[in-house]
Amino acid sequence: MTRMALAALAAALSSGALAERPASPPEERLICRGGERQLSSRIRTARRCRTAEQWRLEDEAANRLPPSLQVTQGQNDGRAPAQPH
């Protein structure tokens, strides 16, 4: 019985009937940033590691103006309104 099983296994391997395991996607490299100092603080942040895509998203969010600083049409920005002619 074992000879038959081995023969069947050998035949399957030689004919390529057994599919190879698909290669796992490569892991993304982590980029670490550390020891950043925040404005008016003596305390440094801990080292943080993220992928390049995660850092890009975080940098975009940090560079966006918060809604309270955005000037919209008709919003009083502290200047005297223009006098209509």
N, C-alpha and C. Protein backbone atom coordinates (compact mmCIF):
# COMPACT_ATOMS: atom_id res chain seq x y z
N MET A 1 0.82 -1.19 0.00
CA MET A 1 0.00 0.00 0.00
C MET A 1 0.87 1.26 0.00
N THR A 2 1.95 1.29 0.75
CA THR A 2 2.79 2.47 0.79
C THR A 2 3.52 2.68 -0.53
N ARG A 3 3.84 1.58 -1.22
CA ARG A 3 4.49 1.72 -2.53
C ARG A 3 3.56 2.42 -3.51
N MET A 4 2.28 2.09 -3.44
CA MET A 4 1.32 2.71 -4.34
C MET A 4 1.16 4.20 -4.03
N ALA A 5 1.14 4.54 -2.75
CA ALA A 5 1.02 5.93 -2.34
C ALA A 5 2.24 6.73 -2.78
N LEU A 6 3.43 6.14 -2.61
CA LEU A 6 4.66 6.81 -3.02
C LEU A 6 4.69 6.97 -4.54
N ALA A 7 4.24 5.96 -5.26
CA ALA A 7 4.22 6.04 -6.72
C ALA A 7 3.25 7.13 -7.18
N ALA A 8 2.10 7.22 -6.54
CA ALA A 8 1.13 8.24 -6.90
C ALA A 8 1.68 9.64 -6.59
N LEU A 9 2.37 9.77 -5.46
CA LEU A 9 2.96 11.05 -5.08
C LEU A 9 4.05 11.44 -6.07
N ALA A 10 4.90 10.49 -6.44
CA ALA A 10 5.97 10.77 -7.40
C ALA A 10 5.39 11.18 -8.74
N ALA A 11 4.33 10.52 -9.17
CA ALA A 11 3.69 10.86 -10.44
C ALA A 11 3.09 12.26 -10.39
N ALA A 12 2.50 12.60 -9.26
CA ALA A 12 1.89 13.93 -9.12
C ALA A 12 2.96 15.02 -9.12
N LEU A 13 4.08 14.74 -8.45
CA LEU A 13 5.16 15.73 -8.41
C LEU A 13 5.78 15.91 -9.77
N SER A 14 5.99 14.83 -10.50
CA SER A 14 6.65 14.95 -11.80
C SER A 14 5.73 15.59 -12.84
N SER A 15 4.43 15.43 -12.70
CA SER A 15 3.51 16.02 -13.67
C SER A 15 3.13 17.46 -13.31
N GLY A 16 3.54 17.94 -12.14
CA GLY A 16 3.22 19.30 -11.73
C GLY A 16 1.78 19.44 -11.24
N ALA A 17 1.13 18.38 -10.87
CA ALA A 17 -0.25 18.43 -10.42
C ALA A 17 -0.37 19.15 -9.09
N LEU A 18 0.65 19.07 -8.27
CA LEU A 18 0.61 19.78 -6.99
C LEU A 18 1.11 21.20 -7.22
N ALA A 19 0.28 22.13 -6.94
CA ALA A 19 0.65 23.54 -7.14
C ALA A 19 1.58 23.99 -6.03
N GLU A 20 2.53 24.80 -6.39
CA GLU A 20 3.43 25.34 -5.37
C GLU A 20 2.68 26.40 -4.59
N ARG A 21 3.09 26.58 -3.37
CA ARG A 21 2.46 27.61 -2.56
C ARG A 21 2.75 28.97 -3.17
N PRO A 22 1.74 29.82 -3.25
CA PRO A 22 2.00 31.15 -3.82
C PRO A 22 2.95 31.93 -2.92
N ALA A 23 3.81 32.68 -3.55
CA ALA A 23 4.77 33.48 -2.79
C ALA A 23 4.02 34.56 -2.02
N SER A 24 4.35 34.72 -0.77
CA SER A 24 3.70 35.75 0.04
C SER A 24 4.21 37.11 -0.44
N PRO A 25 3.36 38.13 -0.35
CA PRO A 25 3.81 39.46 -0.79
C PRO A 25 4.97 39.92 0.08
N PRO A 26 5.93 40.61 -0.51
CA PRO A 26 7.07 41.05 0.29
C PRO A 26 6.63 42.06 1.35
N GLU A 27 7.22 41.93 2.50
CA GLU A 27 6.88 42.86 3.58
C GLU A 27 7.46 44.23 3.25
N GLU A 28 6.69 45.27 3.54
CA GLU A 28 7.18 46.61 3.28
C GLU A 28 8.21 46.98 4.34
N ARG A 29 9.22 47.67 3.90
CA ARG A 29 10.28 48.09 4.80
C ARG A 29 9.77 49.17 5.75
N LEU A 30 10.18 49.09 6.99
CA LEU A 30 9.79 50.10 7.97
C LEU A 30 10.84 51.20 8.00
N ILE A 31 10.37 52.43 8.09
CA ILE A 31 11.24 53.59 8.21
C ILE A 31 11.01 54.15 9.60
N CYS A 32 12.09 54.29 10.36
CA CYS A 32 11.96 54.74 11.74
C CYS A 32 12.38 56.21 11.86
N ARG A 33 11.59 56.96 12.59
CA ARG A 33 11.91 58.34 12.94
C ARG A 33 11.90 58.41 14.45
N GLY A 34 12.83 59.12 14.99
CA GLY A 34 12.84 59.16 16.45
C GLY A 34 13.43 60.43 17.00
N GLY A 35 13.16 60.63 18.25
CA GLY A 35 13.71 61.75 18.97
C GLY A 35 13.26 63.11 18.48
N GLU A 36 12.06 63.21 17.93
CA GLU A 36 11.57 64.50 17.47
C GLU A 36 11.17 65.35 18.67
N ARG A 37 11.52 66.60 18.59
CA ARG A 37 11.20 67.52 19.67
C ARG A 37 10.03 68.38 19.25
N GLN A 38 9.05 68.50 20.10
CA GLN A 38 7.89 69.32 19.78
C GLN A 38 8.15 70.76 20.20
N LEU A 39 7.50 71.67 19.52
CA LEU A 39 7.67 73.09 19.77
C LEU A 39 7.40 73.42 21.23
N SER A 40 8.27 74.20 21.82
CA SER A 40 8.21 74.65 23.21
C SER A 40 8.04 73.51 24.21
N SER A 41 8.80 72.45 23.98
CA SER A 41 8.79 71.34 24.92
C SER A 41 10.20 70.76 25.00
N ARG A 42 10.60 70.37 26.19
CA ARG A 42 11.90 69.74 26.35
C ARG A 42 11.79 68.22 26.22
N ILE A 43 10.59 67.74 26.07
CA ILE A 43 10.36 66.31 26.01
C ILE A 43 10.40 65.85 24.56
N ARG A 44 11.19 64.82 24.31
CA ARG A 44 11.27 64.26 22.96
C ARG A 44 10.30 63.10 22.84
N THR A 45 9.82 62.88 21.61
CA THR A 45 8.94 61.74 21.38
C THR A 45 9.77 60.48 21.21
N ALA A 46 9.15 59.36 21.43
CA ALA A 46 9.84 58.08 21.28
C ALA A 46 10.03 57.77 19.80
N ARG A 47 10.91 56.86 19.50
CA ARG A 47 11.16 56.43 18.13
C ARG A 47 9.94 55.70 17.59
N ARG A 48 9.52 56.05 16.38
CA ARG A 48 8.34 55.43 15.77
C ARG A 48 8.73 54.86 14.41
N CYS A 49 8.23 53.66 14.10
CA CYS A 49 8.52 53.01 12.82
C CYS A 49 7.21 52.80 12.06
N ARG A 50 7.23 53.20 10.79
CA ARG A 50 6.07 53.04 9.92
C ARG A 50 6.56 52.77 8.50
N THR A 51 5.63 52.37 7.64
CA THR A 51 5.99 52.17 6.24
C THR A 51 6.03 53.54 5.55
N ALA A 52 6.60 53.59 4.36
CA ALA A 52 6.71 54.86 3.63
C ALA A 52 5.33 55.45 3.36
N GLU A 53 4.36 54.61 3.03
CA GLU A 53 3.00 55.09 2.76
C GLU A 53 2.37 55.68 4.02
N GLN A 54 2.57 55.03 5.16
CA GLN A 54 2.01 55.54 6.42
C GLN A 54 2.64 56.88 6.78
N TRP A 55 3.97 57.02 6.57
CA TRP A 55 4.62 58.30 6.85
C TRP A 55 4.09 59.38 5.92
N ARG A 56 3.87 59.05 4.63
CA ARG A 56 3.37 60.03 3.68
C ARG A 56 2.00 60.56 4.12
N LEU A 57 1.12 59.63 4.53
CA LEU A 57 -0.22 60.04 4.98
C LEU A 57 -0.14 60.90 6.24
N GLU A 58 0.73 60.52 7.16
CA GLU A 58 0.86 61.30 8.41
C GLU A 58 1.43 62.68 8.14
N ASP A 59 2.41 62.78 7.22
CA ASP A 59 2.98 64.08 6.89
C ASP A 59 1.96 64.98 6.20
N GLU A 60 1.15 64.40 5.31
CA GLU A 60 0.10 65.18 4.65
C GLU A 60 -0.90 65.73 5.67
N ALA A 61 -1.30 64.89 6.63
CA ALA A 61 -2.25 65.32 7.65
C ALA A 61 -1.65 66.42 8.52
N ALA A 62 -0.37 66.31 8.84
CA ALA A 62 0.27 67.31 9.69
C ALA A 62 0.44 68.64 8.97
N ASN A 63 0.59 68.61 7.65
CA ASN A 63 0.80 69.85 6.90
C ASN A 63 -0.49 70.53 6.49
N ARG A 64 -1.62 69.86 6.67
CA ARG A 64 -2.91 70.46 6.35
C ARG A 64 -3.28 71.50 7.41
N LEU A 65 -3.90 72.58 6.98
CA LEU A 65 -4.36 73.58 7.95
C LEU A 65 -5.59 73.06 8.68
N PRO A 66 -5.65 73.27 9.98
CA PRO A 66 -6.87 72.89 10.69
C PRO A 66 -8.02 73.78 10.24
N PRO A 67 -9.25 73.29 10.33
CA PRO A 67 -10.41 74.08 9.87
C PRO A 67 -10.51 75.45 10.52
N SER A 68 -10.03 75.61 11.74
CA SER A 68 -10.15 76.90 12.42
C SER A 68 -9.22 77.95 11.81
N LEU A 69 -8.22 77.54 11.02
CA LEU A 69 -7.31 78.50 10.41
C LEU A 69 -7.62 78.77 8.95
N GLN A 70 -8.54 78.05 8.38
CA GLN A 70 -8.87 78.25 6.98
C GLN A 70 -9.84 79.42 6.84
N VAL A 71 -9.58 80.29 5.88
CA VAL A 71 -10.44 81.44 5.64
C VAL A 71 -11.43 81.05 4.56
N THR A 72 -12.69 81.25 4.86
CA THR A 72 -13.73 80.95 3.89
C THR A 72 -14.39 82.25 3.44
N GLN A 73 -15.04 82.22 2.31
CA GLN A 73 -15.70 83.40 1.77
C GLN A 73 -16.73 83.94 2.77
N GLY A 74 -16.65 85.22 3.05
CA GLY A 74 -17.61 85.85 3.94
C GLY A 74 -17.24 85.74 5.40
N GLN A 75 -16.15 85.07 5.72
CA GLN A 75 -15.74 84.93 7.12
C GLN A 75 -15.00 86.20 7.54
N ASN A 76 -15.28 86.67 8.72
CA ASN A 76 -14.59 87.85 9.23
C ASN A 76 -13.17 87.45 9.60
N ASP A 77 -12.21 88.01 8.86
CA ASP A 77 -10.82 87.66 9.13
C ASP A 77 -10.10 88.76 9.93
N GLY A 78 -10.86 89.67 10.53
CA GLY A 78 -10.27 90.69 11.37
C GLY A 78 -10.03 91.99 10.66
N ARG A 79 -10.20 92.03 9.35
CA ARG A 79 -10.02 93.27 8.62
C ARG A 79 -11.36 93.97 8.46
N ALA A 80 -11.29 95.27 8.30
CA ALA A 80 -12.53 96.03 8.10
C ALA A 80 -13.10 95.66 6.74
N PRO A 81 -14.41 95.49 6.68
CA PRO A 81 -15.02 95.16 5.38
C PRO A 81 -14.87 96.29 4.38
N ALA A 82 -14.72 95.93 3.13
CA ALA A 82 -14.58 96.94 2.08
C ALA A 82 -15.90 97.69 1.93
N GLN A 83 -15.81 99.01 1.75
CA GLN A 83 -16.98 99.84 1.59
C GLN A 83 -17.44 99.77 0.13
N PRO A 84 -18.71 99.44 -0.07
CA PRO A 84 -19.20 99.40 -1.47
C PRO A 84 -19.25 100.81 -2.05
N HIS A 85 -18.98 100.96 -3.33
CA HIS A 85 -19.00 102.27 -3.99
C HIS A 85 -20.32 102.59 -4.53
